[in-house]
């Protein structure tokens, strides 16, 4: 098997006696683009990103044949991770979530399902900081109830499915509240419950949520592996809308590693999967997956890959018909539009959208909107001399100063 790209880059750089910063400088000089930093080289060498664009320049600077670089990338992809690699089934079975017989029956499962769906609908309109305590309280109560046992094996499975769904939405809420460690622990509980219930699609849904979290928090390479393992876990028999959702998460994970070709391929697979959707029975957690959501993901991918001419029309179309009561999602989508306008060298439009987004997300209590707000300000900063942009930046700075004064 060929040497992996991270190992190859580290070894060759060491042979030249260069630091990561020196390699970054050499790449900038060779390419004429002053955009490579030591941090970017670190991401390549740790396997968090794949330097697709920079391969010819790496070949020149490090004196490595490009074919060897491409083989090293393929080598890392040869062994596709399976969900078992992340969550071994043995552990889930040894750590039984509940006794095999007892008191809980089908009515208890129906009650839990109703409570879970109510929490999902609340998450559509409320931020993580407002929901994390009741969500975790619901989860703790549900897990404790399993100590009473079940009336039958059928009742056990019936209860474990909504328990897994509860863990998924509670983990999502915890992540939105900025509690990433809590979210991961909750997701792992949900995966164990879903697998014990024999629900592969639900296990994949929860694993995909964790992959999305990893991709957005510095674990990009792991995010790709887990997103693809989740897709494989679900299998071809999963509902079409579930397959579309799982392919969308692969697209985002690929985007975050800089793999534009892989991201585009995954977006195409998501569209094809959604096209096969009919009015068949499917899990309640798929209620929000539709063509508009796929358009949003496509627009986000194009924005992240610096393709604003593709992103702006998609985002504009979706936002024109979006339900404004879903404040957090509305603010998030506006943030992508603001960045896309900035990338398209339209600072006035970017400033107008940014003003709406920042006003909408102020004091919202969502970790995701806070991060996106910072991304918007970063995108605007190169245009700080444009009056509309300067006004937005000054408003933000004034609010920060007022907040700082109020804290003393």
Protein backbone atom coordinates (compact mmCIF):
# COMPACT_ATOMS: atom_id res chain seq x y z
CA UNK A 1 0.00 0.00 0.00
CA UNK A 2 1.34 3.48 -0.87
CA UNK A 3 2.46 5.89 1.81
CA UNK A 4 -0.41 8.17 2.92
CA UNK A 5 -0.27 11.83 1.97
CA UNK A 6 0.27 13.19 5.53
CA UNK A 7 3.20 10.80 6.06
CA UNK A 8 4.68 11.58 2.64
CA UNK A 9 4.49 15.35 3.16
CA UNK A 10 6.03 15.17 6.64
CA UNK A 11 8.86 12.89 5.51
CA UNK A 12 9.76 14.96 2.45
CA UNK A 13 9.58 18.25 4.33
CA UNK A 14 11.88 16.80 6.99
CA UNK A 15 14.36 15.75 4.30
CA UNK A 16 14.50 19.34 3.12
CA UNK A 17 14.94 20.48 6.73
CA UNK A 18 11.96 22.83 6.45
CA UNK A 19 9.44 23.88 9.04
CA UNK A 20 5.74 23.93 8.17
CA UNK A 21 5.99 27.72 7.88
CA UNK A 22 8.89 27.42 5.42
CA UNK A 23 6.94 24.97 3.25
CA UNK A 24 4.03 27.42 3.24
CA UNK A 25 6.37 30.23 2.10
CA UNK A 26 7.81 28.08 -0.69
CA UNK A 27 4.32 27.18 -1.93
CA UNK A 28 3.27 30.84 -1.97
CA UNK A 29 6.37 31.74 -3.98
CA UNK A 30 5.91 28.87 -6.44
CA UNK A 31 2.20 29.52 -7.02
CA UNK A 32 2.19 33.31 -6.87
CA UNK A 33 -0.68 33.08 -4.37
CA UNK A 34 -0.02 34.38 -0.83
CA UNK A 35 -2.75 32.22 0.68
CA UNK A 36 -0.97 29.20 2.17
CA UNK A 37 -0.20 29.43 5.89
CA UNK A 38 1.60 27.20 8.39
CA UNK A 39 -1.84 26.23 9.77
CA UNK A 40 -2.89 24.98 6.34
CA UNK A 41 0.23 22.83 6.03
CA UNK A 42 -0.53 21.46 9.50
CA UNK A 43 -4.03 20.49 8.34
CA UNK A 44 -2.59 18.60 5.38
CA UNK A 45 -0.03 16.79 7.50
CA UNK A 46 -2.61 15.84 10.13
CA UNK A 47 -4.99 14.51 7.49
CA UNK A 48 -7.65 17.13 8.19
CA UNK A 49 -7.63 18.55 4.67
CA UNK A 50 -6.61 17.30 1.24
CA UNK A 51 -4.60 19.91 -0.74
CA UNK A 52 -6.26 19.15 -4.08
CA UNK A 53 -5.54 22.56 -5.63
CA UNK A 54 -1.97 22.63 -4.33
CA UNK A 55 -0.88 19.19 -5.62
CA UNK A 56 1.08 20.51 -8.65
CA UNK A 57 2.84 23.11 -6.49
CA UNK A 58 3.63 20.53 -3.80
CA UNK A 59 5.06 18.28 -6.52
CA UNK A 60 7.31 21.12 -7.70
CA UNK A 61 8.42 22.42 -4.33
CA UNK A 62 8.99 19.05 -2.63
CA UNK A 63 10.26 17.37 -5.82
CA UNK A 64 7.69 14.55 -5.63
CA UNK A 65 6.04 13.21 -8.80
CA UNK A 66 2.41 14.26 -8.87
CA UNK A 67 1.37 10.66 -9.57
CA UNK A 68 2.97 9.68 -6.26
CA UNK A 69 1.03 12.38 -4.44
CA UNK A 70 -2.21 11.17 -6.04
CA UNK A 71 -1.45 7.56 -5.08
CA UNK A 72 -0.87 8.64 -1.49
CA UNK A 73 -4.31 10.29 -1.40
CA UNK A 74 -5.94 7.19 -2.89
CA UNK A 75 -4.16 5.03 -0.31
CA UNK A 76 -5.90 6.86 2.53
CA UNK A 77 -9.26 6.24 0.85
CA UNK A 78 -8.78 2.54 0.10
CA UNK A 79 -10.13 1.39 3.45
CA UNK A 80 -13.53 2.96 3.85
CA UNK A 81 -14.38 3.23 7.51
CA UNK A 82 -17.43 1.36 8.68
CA UNK A 83 -19.59 2.49 11.57
CA UNK A 84 -18.23 -0.47 13.51
CA UNK A 85 -14.81 1.20 13.42
CA UNK A 86 -16.21 4.08 15.43
CA UNK A 87 -18.84 2.31 17.52
CA UNK A 88 -18.05 -1.44 17.88
CA UNK A 89 -21.22 -3.48 18.20
CA UNK A 90 -19.74 -5.56 20.97
CA UNK A 91 -19.64 -2.62 23.33
CA UNK A 92 -23.24 -1.69 22.65
CA UNK A 93 -24.41 -5.22 23.39
CA UNK A 94 -22.34 -5.62 26.52
CA UNK A 95 -23.65 -2.32 27.85
CA UNK A 96 -27.35 -3.18 27.62
CA UNK A 97 -29.49 -0.09 27.81
CA UNK A 98 -32.31 -1.96 29.53
CA UNK A 99 -33.39 -5.36 30.90
CA UNK A 100 -35.05 -7.76 28.42
CA UNK A 101 -38.42 -8.04 30.19
CA UNK A 102 -40.61 -5.88 32.41
CA UNK A 103 -43.14 -3.14 32.56
CA UNK A 104 -42.80 -0.68 29.65
CA UNK A 105 -45.16 -1.36 26.75
CA UNK A 106 -46.21 0.02 23.38
CA UNK A 107 -48.12 2.94 24.90
CA UNK A 108 -44.95 4.17 26.58
CA UNK A 109 -43.13 4.15 23.26
CA UNK A 110 -45.95 6.13 21.62
CA UNK A 111 -45.84 8.69 24.41
CA UNK A 112 -42.06 9.08 24.06
CA UNK A 113 -42.37 9.42 20.28
CA UNK A 114 -44.85 12.29 20.72
CA UNK A 115 -42.56 14.06 23.18
CA UNK A 116 -39.58 13.64 20.85
CA UNK A 117 -41.43 15.13 17.89
CA UNK A 118 -42.59 18.07 20.01
CA UNK A 119 -38.94 18.69 20.90
CA UNK A 120 -38.00 18.59 17.21
CA UNK A 121 -40.63 21.20 16.39
CA UNK A 122 -39.44 23.37 19.29
CA UNK A 123 -35.89 23.15 17.92
CA UNK A 124 -37.15 24.63 14.66
CA UNK A 125 -37.91 27.93 16.40
CA UNK A 126 -35.87 28.01 19.63
CA UNK A 127 -32.07 28.15 20.14
CA UNK A 128 -29.99 25.54 21.89
CA UNK A 129 -29.44 27.56 25.05
CA UNK A 130 -33.20 27.62 25.69
CA UNK A 131 -33.75 23.94 24.97
CA UNK A 132 -30.67 22.14 26.27
CA UNK A 133 -31.89 21.69 29.85
CA UNK A 134 -35.36 20.36 29.03
CA UNK A 135 -33.89 18.16 26.25
CA UNK A 136 -31.30 16.57 28.54
CA UNK A 137 -33.89 16.20 31.28
CA UNK A 138 -36.20 14.33 28.88
CA UNK A 139 -33.32 12.06 27.85
CA UNK A 140 -32.30 11.32 31.44
CA UNK A 141 -35.88 10.48 32.36
CA UNK A 142 -36.30 8.18 29.35
CA UNK A 143 -33.10 6.27 30.11
CA UNK A 144 -34.13 5.85 33.74
CA UNK A 145 -37.50 4.48 32.66
CA UNK A 146 -35.74 1.61 30.89
CA UNK A 147 -34.66 0.35 34.33
CA UNK A 148 -38.26 -0.80 34.84
CA UNK A 149 -37.84 -3.31 32.01
CA UNK A 150 -40.22 -4.15 29.16
CA UNK A 151 -43.32 -6.24 28.68
CA UNK A 152 -41.91 -7.93 25.54
CA UNK A 153 -39.04 -7.83 23.08
CA UNK A 154 -41.32 -5.94 20.68
CA UNK A 155 -41.99 -3.34 23.36
CA UNK A 156 -38.26 -3.05 23.99
CA UNK A 157 -37.52 -2.29 20.37
CA UNK A 158 -40.49 0.07 20.14
CA UNK A 159 -39.14 2.10 23.05
CA UNK A 160 -35.47 2.08 21.99
CA UNK A 161 -36.27 3.67 18.61
CA UNK A 162 -37.75 6.91 20.07
CA UNK A 163 -35.03 6.82 22.73
CA UNK A 164 -32.45 6.93 19.93
CA UNK A 165 -34.41 9.72 18.22
CA UNK A 166 -34.48 11.63 21.50
CA UNK A 167 -30.71 11.28 21.80
CA UNK A 168 -30.31 12.61 18.26
CA UNK A 169 -32.33 15.78 18.82
CA UNK A 170 -30.85 16.30 22.30
CA UNK A 171 -27.36 15.98 20.84
CA UNK A 172 -28.22 18.44 18.07
CA UNK A 173 -29.54 20.92 20.64
CA UNK A 174 -26.44 20.49 22.82
CA UNK A 175 -24.22 21.17 19.81
CA UNK A 176 -26.20 24.32 18.98
CA UNK A 177 -25.69 25.44 22.57
CA UNK A 178 -21.92 25.03 22.13
CA UNK A 179 -21.72 21.91 24.31
CA UNK A 180 -19.85 19.73 21.84
CA UNK A 181 -18.58 17.20 24.39
CA UNK A 182 -22.07 16.69 25.79
CA UNK A 183 -23.45 16.35 22.27
CA UNK A 184 -20.97 13.63 21.35
CA UNK A 185 -21.73 11.59 24.47
CA UNK A 186 -25.46 11.86 23.79
CA UNK A 187 -25.01 10.89 20.13
CA UNK A 188 -23.06 7.80 21.17
CA UNK A 189 -25.89 6.79 23.50
CA UNK A 190 -28.36 7.24 20.65
CA UNK A 191 -26.32 5.12 18.25
CA UNK A 192 -26.21 2.30 20.83
CA UNK A 193 -29.99 2.49 21.29
CA UNK A 194 -30.68 2.57 17.53
CA UNK A 195 -28.44 -0.41 16.86
CA UNK A 196 -29.90 -2.41 19.72
CA UNK A 197 -33.31 -1.72 18.20
CA UNK A 198 -32.05 -2.85 14.78
CA UNK A 199 -32.78 0.53 13.16
CA UNK A 200 -29.85 1.07 10.77
CA UNK A 201 -31.27 4.27 9.24
CA UNK A 202 -31.63 5.88 12.67
CA UNK A 203 -28.10 4.83 13.66
CA UNK A 204 -26.87 6.43 10.43
CA UNK A 205 -28.87 9.60 11.12
CA UNK A 206 -27.26 10.02 14.54
CA UNK A 207 -23.77 9.16 13.29
CA UNK A 208 -24.25 11.66 10.46
CA UNK A 209 -25.06 14.38 12.98
CA UNK A 210 -21.84 13.62 14.83
CA UNK A 211 -19.90 13.63 11.54
CA UNK A 212 -21.35 17.07 10.80
CA UNK A 213 -20.23 18.27 14.23
CA UNK A 214 -16.73 16.91 13.69
CA UNK A 215 -16.48 18.52 10.24
CA UNK A 216 -17.35 21.92 11.73
CA UNK A 217 -15.00 21.68 14.70
CA UNK A 218 -11.55 20.88 13.37
CA UNK A 219 -11.97 17.14 12.77
CA UNK A 220 -12.58 17.34 9.04
CA UNK A 221 -10.88 14.11 7.99
CA UNK A 222 -12.71 12.14 10.68
CA UNK A 223 -15.93 13.85 9.63
CA UNK A 224 -15.58 12.48 6.08
CA UNK A 225 -14.90 8.96 7.32
CA UNK A 226 -17.84 8.97 9.71
CA UNK A 227 -20.29 10.55 7.22
CA UNK A 228 -19.44 7.88 4.66
CA UNK A 229 -19.63 5.12 7.27
CA UNK A 230 -23.09 6.37 8.25
CA UNK A 231 -24.22 6.22 4.63
CA UNK A 232 -22.93 2.67 4.33
CA UNK A 233 -24.63 1.68 7.61
CA UNK A 234 -28.01 2.86 6.30
CA UNK A 235 -27.59 0.85 3.11
CA UNK A 236 -29.53 1.10 -0.16
CA UNK A 237 -32.79 0.06 1.52
CA UNK A 238 -32.97 3.27 3.58
CA UNK A 239 -35.81 5.67 2.66
CA UNK A 240 -34.90 7.94 -0.29
CA UNK A 241 -35.09 11.11 1.80
CA UNK A 242 -32.77 9.54 4.37
CA UNK A 243 -30.28 8.64 1.63
CA UNK A 244 -30.51 12.23 0.35
CA UNK A 245 -29.78 13.58 3.83
CA UNK A 246 -26.83 11.24 4.34
CA UNK A 247 -25.36 12.14 0.95
CA UNK A 248 -25.75 15.83 1.84
CA UNK A 249 -23.65 15.26 4.96
CA UNK A 250 -20.99 13.54 2.88
CA UNK A 251 -21.01 16.56 0.56
CA UNK A 252 -20.45 18.92 3.47
CA UNK A 253 -17.74 16.77 5.01
CA UNK A 254 -15.95 16.59 1.66
CA UNK A 255 -16.27 20.35 1.30
CA UNK A 256 -14.61 20.94 4.64
CA UNK A 257 -11.56 18.96 3.49
CA UNK A 258 -11.36 21.00 0.28
CA UNK A 259 -12.44 18.07 -1.90
CA UNK A 260 -14.59 19.95 -4.41
CA UNK A 261 -14.97 17.01 -6.79
CA UNK A 262 -16.11 14.68 -4.01
CA UNK A 263 -18.54 17.31 -2.71
CA UNK A 264 -20.12 17.84 -6.15
CA UNK A 265 -20.49 14.10 -6.65
CA UNK A 266 -22.22 13.73 -3.28
CA UNK A 267 -24.60 16.60 -4.03
CA UNK A 268 -25.57 14.86 -7.25
CA UNK A 269 -26.23 11.62 -5.39
CA UNK A 270 -28.40 13.51 -2.88
CA UNK A 271 -30.53 14.94 -5.70
CA UNK A 272 -30.91 11.52 -7.30
CA UNK A 273 -31.95 9.98 -3.99
CA UNK A 274 -34.56 12.66 -3.31
CA UNK A 275 -35.99 12.21 -6.81
CA UNK A 276 -36.89 8.62 -5.83
CA UNK A 277 -38.99 9.81 -2.87
CA UNK A 278 -42.68 8.95 -2.99
CA UNK A 279 -45.37 9.08 -0.31
CA UNK A 280 -44.19 5.86 1.32
CA UNK A 281 -44.04 5.42 5.09
CA UNK A 282 -40.83 6.79 6.59
CA UNK A 283 -39.47 7.95 9.98
CA UNK A 284 -40.87 11.17 11.43
CA UNK A 285 -37.37 12.67 11.71
CA UNK A 286 -37.28 13.12 7.92
CA UNK A 287 -40.14 15.65 7.91
CA UNK A 288 -37.87 18.61 7.06
CA UNK A 289 -35.83 17.06 4.22
CA UNK A 290 -36.99 18.48 0.88
CA UNK A 291 -35.70 20.10 -2.30
CA UNK A 292 -35.22 23.43 -0.52
CA UNK A 293 -32.93 21.88 2.08
CA UNK A 294 -30.83 20.28 -0.65
CA UNK A 295 -30.60 23.66 -2.38
CA UNK A 296 -29.41 25.22 0.88
CA UNK A 297 -26.69 22.60 1.26
CA UNK A 298 -25.62 23.05 -2.36
CA UNK A 299 -25.42 26.82 -1.82
CA UNK A 300 -23.38 26.36 1.36
CA UNK A 301 -21.00 24.02 -0.44
CA UNK A 302 -20.56 26.50 -3.30
CA UNK A 303 -19.97 29.34 -0.82
CA UNK A 304 -17.36 27.39 1.12
CA UNK A 305 -15.64 26.44 -2.15
CA UNK A 306 -15.63 30.12 -3.18
CA UNK A 307 -18.14 29.75 -6.02
CA UNK A 308 -20.45 32.69 -5.28
CA UNK A 309 -22.03 32.87 -8.73
CA UNK A 310 -23.59 29.49 -8.05
CA UNK A 311 -24.36 30.14 -4.39
CA UNK A 312 -26.14 33.51 -4.59
CA UNK A 313 -29.05 32.48 -6.89
CA UNK A 314 -29.74 29.34 -4.86
CA UNK A 315 -29.74 31.17 -1.53
CA UNK A 316 -31.83 34.05 -2.88
CA UNK A 317 -34.45 31.64 -4.23
CA UNK A 318 -34.72 29.63 -1.01
CA UNK A 319 -34.77 32.64 1.31
CA UNK A 320 -37.57 34.24 -0.72
CA UNK A 321 -39.91 31.47 0.38
CA UNK A 322 -38.39 30.56 3.76
CA UNK A 323 -40.47 30.50 6.94
CA UNK A 324 -39.20 33.53 8.88
CA UNK A 325 -40.44 32.11 12.18
CA UNK A 326 -37.44 29.75 12.00
CA UNK A 327 -35.17 32.57 13.11
CA UNK A 328 -31.97 30.61 13.68
CA UNK A 329 -32.00 28.85 10.32
CA UNK A 330 -33.01 32.08 8.57
CA UNK A 331 -30.03 33.86 10.15
CA UNK A 332 -27.68 31.00 9.22
CA UNK A 333 -28.78 31.05 5.59
CA UNK A 334 -28.42 34.84 5.45
CA UNK A 335 -24.86 34.43 6.73
CA UNK A 336 -23.97 32.22 3.77
CA UNK A 337 -25.55 34.74 1.40
CA UNK A 338 -23.54 37.61 2.93
CA UNK A 339 -20.28 35.68 2.52
CA UNK A 340 -21.17 34.71 -1.06
CA UNK A 341 -21.84 38.36 -1.94
CA UNK A 342 -18.49 39.34 -0.41
CA UNK A 343 -16.73 36.66 -2.45
CA UNK A 344 -18.52 37.97 -5.55
CA UNK A 345 -17.00 41.41 -4.86
CA UNK A 346 -20.41 42.91 -4.04
CA UNK A 347 -19.63 44.55 -0.67
CA UNK A 348 -22.73 46.75 -0.56
CA UNK A 349 -25.05 43.76 -0.99
CA UNK A 350 -22.96 41.77 1.49
CA UNK A 351 -23.28 44.56 4.05
CA UNK A 352 -27.06 44.80 3.61
CA UNK A 353 -27.51 41.06 4.15
CA UNK A 354 -25.01 41.02 7.02
CA UNK A 355 -26.92 43.78 8.79
CA UNK A 356 -30.10 41.68 8.67
CA UNK A 357 -28.31 38.53 9.75
CA UNK A 358 -26.51 40.13 12.70
CA UNK A 359 -29.66 41.88 13.93
CA UNK A 360 -31.64 38.65 13.67
CA UNK A 361 -29.06 36.58 15.56
CA UNK A 362 -28.26 39.09 18.32
CA UNK A 363 -28.74 37.43 21.74
CA UNK A 364 -30.25 34.39 20.02
CA UNK A 365 -28.25 31.98 22.13
CA UNK A 366 -27.14 29.75 19.25
CA UNK A 367 -23.48 28.71 19.03
CA UNK A 368 -23.90 28.13 15.30
CA UNK A 369 -25.22 31.62 14.54
CA UNK A 370 -22.48 33.18 16.69
CA UNK A 371 -19.82 31.37 14.68
CA UNK A 372 -21.44 32.31 11.41
CA UNK A 373 -21.64 35.93 12.54
CA UNK A 374 -17.87 35.93 13.02
CA UNK A 375 -17.43 34.38 9.57
CA UNK A 376 -19.54 37.17 8.04
CA UNK A 377 -17.47 39.88 9.74
CA UNK A 378 -14.28 38.23 8.52
CA UNK A 379 -15.63 38.20 4.95
CA UNK A 380 -16.57 41.89 5.21
CA UNK A 381 -13.29 43.10 6.68
CA UNK A 382 -11.37 43.43 3.36
CA UNK A 383 -14.04 45.96 2.31
CA UNK A 384 -13.83 48.07 5.48
CA UNK A 385 -13.34 51.23 3.38
CA UNK A 386 -16.74 50.80 1.70
CA UNK A 387 -19.19 53.06 3.60
CA UNK A 388 -21.94 50.42 3.93
CA UNK A 389 -19.46 47.88 5.25
CA UNK A 390 -17.82 50.40 7.59
CA UNK A 391 -21.24 51.17 9.06
CA UNK A 392 -21.90 47.49 9.80
CA UNK A 393 -18.47 47.00 11.36
CA UNK A 394 -18.80 50.13 13.48
CA UNK A 395 -22.23 49.04 14.72
CA UNK A 396 -20.80 45.70 15.81
CA UNK A 397 -17.84 47.35 17.53
CA UNK A 398 -20.15 49.82 19.31
CA UNK A 399 -22.34 46.98 20.58
CA UNK A 400 -19.23 45.18 21.84
CA UNK A 401 -18.04 48.30 23.67
CA UNK A 402 -21.46 48.77 25.27
CA UNK A 403 -21.54 45.12 26.34
CA UNK A 404 -18.05 45.42 27.82
CA UNK A 405 -19.04 48.52 29.79
CA UNK A 406 -22.16 46.80 31.12
CA UNK A 407 -20.03 43.94 32.40
CA UNK A 408 -18.07 46.22 34.74
